[in-house]
Each structure stands twice: as structure tokens, then as C-alpha cells.
């Protein structure tokens, strides 16, 4: 309707995105709290709560203490989850019958298309190679040199 893109972003797009961004933040916060592999692999002697729970249950066979530590780990995740739910109740937005812009800028220059294809193809290839490496490592028998 003729509004400047910055105005559209601040008055239309961002209010509609707030709930989705908050949900993504809750999900990432929960994943980072429960992450066990990175602290064990990279942390060295630095203890975090998830690795402490693992060591308590698996290493010391103290399940009640591990369960108590797990409840402590659960508290901040639950608090953030309920805070996000409260935000969702207070900020209820919906888009009603909107249509997108009629004209989108197209990349017509063949060099730009080729560079974008090369960049995206190489990123995709790296991702596929990571999964292929995991598959190859899981199905290959390693021989140890004596």
C-alpha cells in the first residue's frame, strides 16, 4: 500500500514473528540445557548439569541423586516455557486475507545465478557428506595396527 519497507517490517512483520521467535528460543534453550555431547567432548574438566546427571546415574549408579539433579535442570526450561505461553496469550496477532507483493525482483543475470547455485550446491554437498561420513563410520569395521 505504499509503506516504506522499514515501516512494514516494524509494524507488520515483526509483531507477527514474535511468537515464532519466542517458540524457537524456548526450543533452543531446552536443547542447550539438555545437551550432553558438547560439554563431555569439548568441556574437559568443566562440569555442566547435564554431564553431572549423566556421571551420577551411569558412573556412580546413584539414580535418586541423578533424578533430583534432572528436576533442577527441568525448572528453568519449564519457567521459560510458561513465560512463552504467557507472551502468546498477551500478543495474539493474525493476518487476515493479506496477499503478497505482486512483483518480486528476479535475478536475471546468469553470473549471479551461477554463483548462487555454486554456493548453495557446495553447502548442500557439505551437509550430505557429513551424513555420508556418519553412515560410512557406522558400517565400516576399523582395523587396528599392532
N, C-alpha and C. Protein backbone atom coordinates (compact mmCIF):
# COMPACT_ATOMS: atom_id res chain seq x y z
N UNK A 1 0.82 -1.19 0.00
CA UNK A 1 0.00 0.00 0.00
C UNK A 1 0.86 1.25 0.00
N UNK A 2 2.13 1.10 -0.30
CA UNK A 2 2.99 2.26 -0.43
C UNK A 2 3.85 2.55 0.78
N UNK A 3 3.79 1.74 1.82
CA UNK A 3 4.60 1.99 3.01
C UNK A 3 6.05 1.63 2.74
N UNK A 4 6.94 2.31 3.45
CA UNK A 4 8.37 2.04 3.34
C UNK A 4 8.65 0.64 3.92
N UNK A 5 9.59 -0.12 3.33
CA UNK A 5 9.86 -1.48 3.83
C UNK A 5 10.23 -1.53 5.32
N UNK A 6 10.92 -0.53 5.82
CA UNK A 6 11.26 -0.49 7.24
C UNK A 6 10.02 -0.36 8.11
N UNK A 7 9.08 0.43 7.66
CA UNK A 7 7.83 0.61 8.40
C UNK A 7 7.01 -0.69 8.39
N UNK A 8 6.97 -1.37 7.25
CA UNK A 8 6.25 -2.63 7.14
C UNK A 8 6.90 -3.67 8.06
N UNK A 9 8.24 -3.69 8.09
CA UNK A 9 8.94 -4.62 8.95
C UNK A 9 8.62 -4.38 10.42
N UNK A 10 8.65 -3.13 10.85
CA UNK A 10 8.46 -2.84 12.27
C UNK A 10 7.01 -2.91 12.72
N UNK A 11 6.07 -2.65 11.84
CA UNK A 11 4.67 -2.61 12.26
C UNK A 11 3.86 -3.85 11.88
N UNK A 12 4.32 -4.61 10.89
CA UNK A 12 3.55 -5.77 10.45
C UNK A 12 4.33 -7.07 10.67
N UNK A 13 5.51 -7.16 10.09
CA UNK A 13 6.24 -8.42 10.09
C UNK A 13 6.74 -8.83 11.47
N UNK A 14 7.41 -7.92 12.18
CA UNK A 14 7.96 -8.28 13.48
C UNK A 14 6.89 -8.66 14.50
N UNK A 15 5.76 -7.93 14.61
CA UNK A 15 4.74 -8.41 15.55
C UNK A 15 4.21 -9.79 15.21
N UNK A 16 4.15 -10.15 13.94
CA UNK A 16 3.70 -11.48 13.57
C UNK A 16 4.77 -12.55 13.83
N UNK A 17 6.03 -12.14 13.84
CA UNK A 17 7.12 -13.08 14.05
C UNK A 17 7.46 -13.32 15.51
N UNK A 18 7.00 -12.47 16.42
CA UNK A 18 7.41 -12.54 17.81
C UNK A 18 7.11 -13.90 18.42
N UNK A 19 5.93 -14.44 18.21
CA UNK A 19 5.58 -15.73 18.81
C UNK A 19 6.43 -16.87 18.26
N UNK A 20 6.68 -16.84 16.98
CA UNK A 20 7.53 -17.88 16.40
C UNK A 20 8.96 -17.79 16.88
N UNK A 21 9.48 -16.57 17.00
CA UNK A 21 10.84 -16.40 17.52
C UNK A 21 10.92 -16.81 18.98
N UNK A 22 9.89 -16.51 19.76
CA UNK A 22 9.88 -16.91 21.17
C UNK A 22 9.82 -18.43 21.29
N UNK A 23 9.02 -19.07 20.46
CA UNK A 23 8.96 -20.53 20.48
C UNK A 23 10.29 -21.16 20.10
N UNK A 24 10.96 -20.58 19.10
CA UNK A 24 12.27 -21.09 18.71
C UNK A 24 13.29 -20.88 19.83
N UNK A 25 13.20 -19.76 20.54
CA UNK A 25 14.12 -19.51 21.65
C UNK A 25 13.90 -20.52 22.77
N UNK A 26 12.64 -20.85 23.06
CA UNK A 26 12.35 -21.85 24.10
C UNK A 26 12.91 -23.20 23.69
N UNK A 27 12.73 -23.58 22.44
CA UNK A 27 13.23 -24.86 21.95
C UNK A 27 14.75 -24.92 22.02
N UNK A 28 15.43 -23.88 21.57
CA UNK A 28 16.89 -23.86 21.61
C UNK A 28 17.42 -23.83 23.03
N UNK A 29 16.73 -23.12 23.91
CA UNK A 29 17.14 -23.08 25.31
C UNK A 29 17.03 -24.47 25.93
N UNK A 30 15.94 -25.17 25.64
CA UNK A 30 15.79 -26.53 26.15
C UNK A 30 16.85 -27.47 25.60
N UNK A 31 17.16 -27.35 24.32
CA UNK A 31 18.21 -28.19 23.73
C UNK A 31 19.57 -27.89 24.34
N UNK A 32 19.86 -26.61 24.56
CA UNK A 32 21.17 -26.27 25.12
C UNK A 32 21.29 -26.70 26.57
N UNK A 33 20.18 -26.70 27.31
CA UNK A 33 20.23 -27.18 28.69
C UNK A 33 20.49 -28.69 28.73
N UNK A 34 19.85 -29.41 27.86
CA UNK A 34 19.94 -30.87 27.89
C UNK A 34 21.11 -31.42 27.08
N UNK A 35 21.89 -30.55 26.45
CA UNK A 35 22.99 -31.02 25.61
C UNK A 35 24.03 -31.73 26.46
N UNK A 36 24.36 -32.92 26.07
CA UNK A 36 25.34 -33.71 26.82
C UNK A 36 26.63 -33.90 26.04
N UNK A 37 26.52 -34.07 24.74
CA UNK A 37 27.69 -34.39 23.94
C UNK A 37 28.75 -33.31 23.91
N UNK A 38 28.34 -32.07 23.69
CA UNK A 38 29.32 -31.00 23.60
C UNK A 38 30.06 -30.75 24.90
N UNK A 39 29.39 -30.68 26.05
CA UNK A 39 30.17 -30.49 27.28
C UNK A 39 31.11 -31.67 27.57
N UNK A 40 30.68 -32.89 27.28
CA UNK A 40 31.57 -34.02 27.53
C UNK A 40 32.75 -34.04 26.57
N UNK A 41 32.49 -33.68 25.33
CA UNK A 41 33.54 -33.73 24.31
C UNK A 41 34.48 -32.54 24.40
N UNK A 42 33.93 -31.35 24.54
CA UNK A 42 34.73 -30.13 24.48
C UNK A 42 35.06 -29.53 25.85
N UNK A 43 34.26 -29.87 26.85
CA UNK A 43 34.39 -29.19 28.14
C UNK A 43 35.57 -29.60 28.97
N UNK A 44 36.08 -30.80 28.77
CA UNK A 44 37.19 -31.24 29.60
C UNK A 44 36.73 -31.46 31.03
N UNK A 45 37.36 -30.78 31.96
CA UNK A 45 37.02 -30.92 33.37
C UNK A 45 35.90 -29.99 33.80
N UNK A 46 35.41 -29.16 32.90
CA UNK A 46 34.34 -28.22 33.24
C UNK A 46 33.02 -28.99 33.31
N UNK A 47 32.37 -28.94 34.46
CA UNK A 47 31.13 -29.69 34.67
C UNK A 47 29.92 -28.81 34.39
N UNK A 48 28.97 -29.35 33.66
CA UNK A 48 27.66 -28.72 33.49
C UNK A 48 26.63 -29.70 34.04
N UNK A 49 25.42 -29.22 34.23
CA UNK A 49 24.42 -30.02 34.93
C UNK A 49 24.06 -31.30 34.17
N UNK A 50 23.97 -31.22 32.85
CA UNK A 50 23.59 -32.42 32.10
C UNK A 50 24.68 -33.49 32.19
N UNK A 51 25.94 -33.10 32.12
CA UNK A 51 27.01 -34.10 32.25
C UNK A 51 27.12 -34.60 33.68
N UNK A 52 26.80 -33.77 34.64
CA UNK A 52 26.80 -34.21 36.03
C UNK A 52 25.70 -35.26 36.28
N UNK A 53 24.54 -35.05 35.68
CA UNK A 53 23.45 -36.03 35.78
C UNK A 53 23.88 -37.36 35.17
N UNK A 54 24.49 -37.28 34.00
CA UNK A 54 24.94 -38.50 33.32
C UNK A 54 25.97 -39.24 34.17
N UNK A 55 26.97 -38.51 34.69
CA UNK A 55 28.00 -39.14 35.51
C UNK A 55 27.43 -39.72 36.79
N UNK A 56 26.42 -39.05 37.36
CA UNK A 56 25.82 -39.54 38.60
C UNK A 56 25.06 -40.84 38.38
N UNK A 57 24.28 -40.88 37.30
CA UNK A 57 23.47 -42.08 37.06
C UNK A 57 24.31 -43.22 36.49
N UNK A 58 25.11 -42.95 35.49
CA UNK A 58 25.87 -44.01 34.81
C UNK A 58 27.14 -44.37 35.57
N UNK A 59 27.85 -43.38 36.05
CA UNK A 59 29.14 -43.64 36.69
C UNK A 59 29.03 -44.06 38.14
N UNK A 60 28.18 -43.40 38.91
CA UNK A 60 28.08 -43.68 40.34
C UNK A 60 26.86 -44.52 40.70
N UNK A 61 26.00 -44.81 39.76
CA UNK A 61 24.78 -45.60 39.96
C UNK A 61 23.90 -45.01 41.06
N UNK A 62 23.87 -43.69 41.13
CA UNK A 62 23.04 -43.01 42.13
C UNK A 62 21.84 -42.39 41.41
N UNK A 63 20.82 -43.21 41.18
CA UNK A 63 19.65 -42.77 40.42
C UNK A 63 18.85 -41.70 41.16
N UNK A 64 18.62 -41.81 42.47
CA UNK A 64 17.86 -40.73 43.15
C UNK A 64 18.54 -39.36 43.06
N UNK A 65 19.86 -39.33 43.23
CA UNK A 65 20.57 -38.05 43.10
C UNK A 65 20.50 -37.54 41.66
N UNK A 66 20.63 -38.44 40.68
CA UNK A 66 20.52 -38.05 39.28
C UNK A 66 19.14 -37.52 38.95
N UNK A 67 18.10 -38.13 39.53
CA UNK A 67 16.74 -37.64 39.29
C UNK A 67 16.54 -36.27 39.92
N UNK A 68 17.10 -36.05 41.09
CA UNK A 68 16.99 -34.73 41.73
C UNK A 68 17.70 -33.66 40.89
N UNK A 69 18.86 -34.00 40.37
CA UNK A 69 19.57 -33.04 39.50
C UNK A 69 18.79 -32.78 38.22
N UNK A 70 18.12 -33.82 37.70
CA UNK A 70 17.32 -33.65 36.49
C UNK A 70 16.13 -32.72 36.73
N UNK A 71 15.55 -32.79 37.94
CA UNK A 71 14.46 -31.87 38.27
C UNK A 71 14.98 -30.44 38.33
N UNK A 72 16.18 -30.25 38.86
CA UNK A 72 16.78 -28.92 38.89
C UNK A 72 17.00 -28.42 37.46
N UNK A 73 17.42 -29.31 36.57
CA UNK A 73 17.62 -28.94 35.16
C UNK A 73 16.30 -28.61 34.48
N UNK A 74 15.23 -29.24 34.93
CA UNK A 74 13.92 -29.04 34.31
C UNK A 74 13.31 -27.69 34.69
N UNK A 75 13.63 -27.17 35.86
CA UNK A 75 13.00 -25.93 36.35
C UNK A 75 13.15 -24.73 35.41
N UNK A 76 14.36 -24.35 34.98
CA UNK A 76 14.45 -23.18 34.09
C UNK A 76 13.76 -23.39 32.75
N UNK A 77 13.79 -24.62 32.24
CA UNK A 77 13.11 -24.88 30.98
C UNK A 77 11.61 -24.72 31.12
N UNK A 78 11.04 -25.20 32.23
CA UNK A 78 9.61 -25.03 32.46
C UNK A 78 9.24 -23.56 32.66
N UNK A 79 10.07 -22.83 33.39
CA UNK A 79 9.79 -21.40 33.59
C UNK A 79 9.78 -20.64 32.27
N UNK A 80 10.74 -20.92 31.42
CA UNK A 80 10.77 -20.25 30.12
C UNK A 80 9.61 -20.68 29.24
N UNK A 81 9.22 -21.94 29.32
CA UNK A 81 8.09 -22.43 28.54
C UNK A 81 6.81 -21.70 28.95
N UNK A 82 6.56 -21.59 30.25
CA UNK A 82 5.34 -20.92 30.69
C UNK A 82 5.39 -19.42 30.43
N UNK A 83 6.58 -18.82 30.47
CA UNK A 83 6.71 -17.40 30.11
C UNK A 83 6.36 -17.20 28.64
N UNK A 84 6.78 -18.12 27.78
CA UNK A 84 6.44 -18.02 26.37
C UNK A 84 4.94 -18.19 26.15
N UNK A 85 4.31 -19.07 26.92
CA UNK A 85 2.86 -19.24 26.81
C UNK A 85 2.12 -17.98 27.24
N UNK A 86 2.61 -17.31 28.29
CA UNK A 86 2.00 -16.04 28.72
C UNK A 86 2.16 -14.97 27.65
N UNK A 87 3.32 -14.94 27.01
CA UNK A 87 3.53 -13.99 25.92
C UNK A 87 2.57 -14.27 24.77
N UNK A 88 2.32 -15.54 24.50
CA UNK A 88 1.40 -15.91 23.43
C UNK A 88 -0.03 -15.47 23.76
N UNK A 89 -0.41 -15.52 25.02
CA UNK A 89 -1.76 -15.08 25.40
C UNK A 89 -1.92 -13.58 25.24
N UNK A 90 -0.87 -12.84 25.60
CA UNK A 90 -0.97 -11.37 25.56
C UNK A 90 -0.84 -10.80 24.16
N UNK A 91 -0.09 -11.45 23.29
CA UNK A 91 0.16 -10.91 21.95
C UNK A 91 -0.43 -11.85 20.91
N UNK A 92 -1.71 -11.80 20.74
CA UNK A 92 -2.35 -12.63 19.73
C UNK A 92 -2.57 -11.84 18.45
N UNK A 93 -1.77 -12.12 17.44
CA UNK A 93 -1.91 -11.46 16.15
C UNK A 93 -2.33 -12.48 15.11
N UNK A 94 -2.99 -12.01 14.10
CA UNK A 94 -3.33 -12.87 12.97
C UNK A 94 -3.34 -12.01 11.72
N UNK A 95 -2.97 -12.62 10.62
CA UNK A 95 -3.07 -11.92 9.35
C UNK A 95 -4.38 -12.34 8.70
N UNK A 96 -5.09 -11.36 8.19
CA UNK A 96 -6.41 -11.63 7.63
C UNK A 96 -6.39 -11.31 6.14
N UNK A 97 -6.46 -12.33 5.33
CA UNK A 97 -6.63 -12.17 3.90
C UNK A 97 -5.61 -11.32 3.19
N UNK A 98 -4.40 -11.27 3.67
CA UNK A 98 -3.39 -10.47 3.00
C UNK A 98 -2.84 -11.19 1.78
N UNK A 99 -2.39 -10.41 0.85
CA UNK A 99 -1.73 -11.00 -0.31
C UNK A 99 -0.34 -10.40 -0.42
N UNK A 100 0.55 -11.16 -0.98
CA UNK A 100 1.93 -10.70 -1.11
C UNK A 100 2.07 -9.64 -2.18
N UNK A 101 3.27 -9.18 -2.32
CA UNK A 101 3.55 -8.19 -3.35
C UNK A 101 3.35 -8.82 -4.72
N UNK A 102 2.91 -8.03 -5.65
CA UNK A 102 2.64 -8.53 -6.98
C UNK A 102 3.91 -8.76 -7.78
N UNK A 103 4.94 -7.97 -7.49
CA UNK A 103 6.17 -8.07 -8.26
C UNK A 103 7.33 -8.39 -7.34
N UNK A 104 8.04 -9.45 -7.65
CA UNK A 104 9.24 -9.81 -6.92
C UNK A 104 10.42 -9.57 -7.84
N UNK A 105 11.50 -9.12 -7.23
CA UNK A 105 12.71 -8.92 -8.02
C UNK A 105 13.29 -10.27 -8.39
N UNK A 106 13.54 -10.48 -9.65
CA UNK A 106 14.11 -11.73 -10.14
C UNK A 106 15.58 -11.52 -10.45
N UNK A 107 16.37 -12.54 -10.15
CA UNK A 107 17.77 -12.50 -10.51
C UNK A 107 17.89 -12.96 -11.96
N UNK A 108 18.15 -12.02 -12.83
CA UNK A 108 18.17 -12.35 -14.25
C UNK A 108 19.58 -12.54 -14.78
N UNK A 109 20.59 -12.02 -14.11
CA UNK A 109 21.95 -12.12 -14.61
C UNK A 109 22.47 -13.54 -14.44
N UNK A 110 22.95 -14.18 -15.51
CA UNK A 110 23.38 -15.58 -15.43
C UNK A 110 24.57 -15.81 -14.50
N UNK A 111 25.45 -14.82 -14.37
CA UNK A 111 26.60 -14.98 -13.47
C UNK A 111 26.13 -15.04 -12.02
N UNK A 112 25.16 -14.20 -11.66
CA UNK A 112 24.63 -14.20 -10.30
C UNK A 112 23.94 -15.53 -10.01
N UNK A 113 23.19 -16.03 -10.98
CA UNK A 113 22.53 -17.33 -10.81
C UNK A 113 23.56 -18.45 -10.64
N UNK A 114 24.62 -18.41 -11.43
CA UNK A 114 25.65 -19.46 -11.37
C UNK A 114 26.38 -19.42 -10.03
N UNK A 115 26.69 -18.23 -9.54
CA UNK A 115 27.38 -18.11 -8.25
C UNK A 115 26.47 -18.59 -7.12
N UNK A 116 25.19 -18.22 -7.16
CA UNK A 116 24.25 -18.66 -6.13
C UNK A 116 24.09 -20.17 -6.17
N UNK A 117 23.99 -20.74 -7.36
CA UNK A 117 23.88 -22.19 -7.49
C UNK A 117 25.12 -22.89 -6.98
N UNK A 118 26.30 -22.36 -7.28
CA UNK A 118 27.55 -22.94 -6.81
C UNK A 118 27.65 -22.87 -5.29
N UNK A 119 27.28 -21.75 -4.70
CA UNK A 119 27.34 -21.57 -3.26
C UNK A 119 26.36 -22.52 -2.55
N UNK A 120 25.12 -22.53 -3.00
CA UNK A 120 24.13 -23.38 -2.36
C UNK A 120 24.42 -24.86 -2.60
N UNK A 121 24.91 -25.18 -3.78
CA UNK A 121 25.27 -26.56 -4.06
C UNK A 121 26.42 -27.04 -3.19
N UNK A 122 27.42 -26.18 -2.96
CA UNK A 122 28.54 -26.59 -2.12
C UNK A 122 28.12 -26.74 -0.66
N UNK A 123 27.26 -25.88 -0.16
CA UNK A 123 26.76 -26.01 1.21
C UNK A 123 25.95 -27.30 1.33
N UNK A 124 25.11 -27.58 0.35
CA UNK A 124 24.33 -28.82 0.37
C UNK A 124 25.23 -30.03 0.31
N UNK A 125 26.29 -29.97 -0.47
CA UNK A 125 27.21 -31.09 -0.58
C UNK A 125 27.94 -31.34 0.74
N UNK A 126 28.31 -30.30 1.45
CA UNK A 126 28.95 -30.47 2.76
C UNK A 126 28.00 -31.16 3.73
N UNK A 127 26.74 -30.79 3.72
CA UNK A 127 25.76 -31.41 4.61
C UNK A 127 25.57 -32.88 4.25
N UNK A 128 25.44 -33.17 2.96
CA UNK A 128 25.28 -34.56 2.52
C UNK A 128 26.52 -35.38 2.87
N UNK A 129 27.72 -34.81 2.73
CA UNK A 129 28.94 -35.53 3.05
C UNK A 129 29.05 -35.82 4.55
N UNK A 130 28.54 -34.94 5.39
CA UNK A 130 28.56 -35.21 6.83
C UNK A 130 27.71 -36.43 7.15
N UNK A 131 26.52 -36.50 6.58
CA UNK A 131 25.67 -37.67 6.82
C UNK A 131 26.28 -38.92 6.21
N UNK A 132 26.90 -38.79 5.05
CA UNK A 132 27.55 -39.95 4.43
C UNK A 132 28.72 -40.44 5.28
N UNK A 133 29.44 -39.53 5.91
CA UNK A 133 30.54 -39.91 6.79
C UNK A 133 30.03 -40.66 8.01
N UNK A 134 28.93 -40.20 8.58
CA UNK A 134 28.33 -40.90 9.72
C UNK A 134 27.89 -42.30 9.29
N UNK A 135 27.26 -42.41 8.14
CA UNK A 135 26.82 -43.71 7.64
C UNK A 135 28.01 -44.63 7.36
N UNK A 136 29.05 -44.09 6.75
CA UNK A 136 30.23 -44.90 6.46
C UNK A 136 30.93 -45.33 7.75
N UNK A 137 30.99 -44.44 8.73
CA UNK A 137 31.61 -44.80 10.00
C UNK A 137 30.82 -45.83 10.77
N UNK A 138 29.51 -45.82 10.61
CA UNK A 138 28.68 -46.79 11.33
C UNK A 138 28.70 -48.15 10.68
N UNK A 139 29.04 -48.24 9.43
CA UNK A 139 29.01 -49.52 8.73
C UNK A 139 30.37 -50.05 8.36
N UNK A 140 31.45 -49.42 8.80
CA UNK A 140 32.80 -49.84 8.46
C UNK A 140 33.48 -50.44 9.68
N UNK A 141 34.13 -51.55 9.47
CA UNK A 141 34.88 -52.17 10.56
C UNK A 141 36.30 -51.61 10.51
N UNK A 142 36.74 -51.09 11.64
CA UNK A 142 38.07 -50.49 11.70
C UNK A 142 39.09 -51.56 12.11
N UNK A 143 40.23 -51.53 11.46
CA UNK A 143 41.31 -52.45 11.80
C UNK A 143 42.38 -51.67 12.56
N UNK A 144 42.86 -52.26 13.62
CA UNK A 144 43.85 -51.62 14.45
C UNK A 144 45.24 -52.15 14.08
N UNK A 145 46.19 -51.25 13.89
CA UNK A 145 47.56 -51.67 13.60
C UNK A 145 48.22 -52.12 14.88
N UNK A 146 48.90 -53.22 14.82
CA UNK A 146 49.54 -53.77 16.01
C UNK A 146 50.94 -53.24 16.13
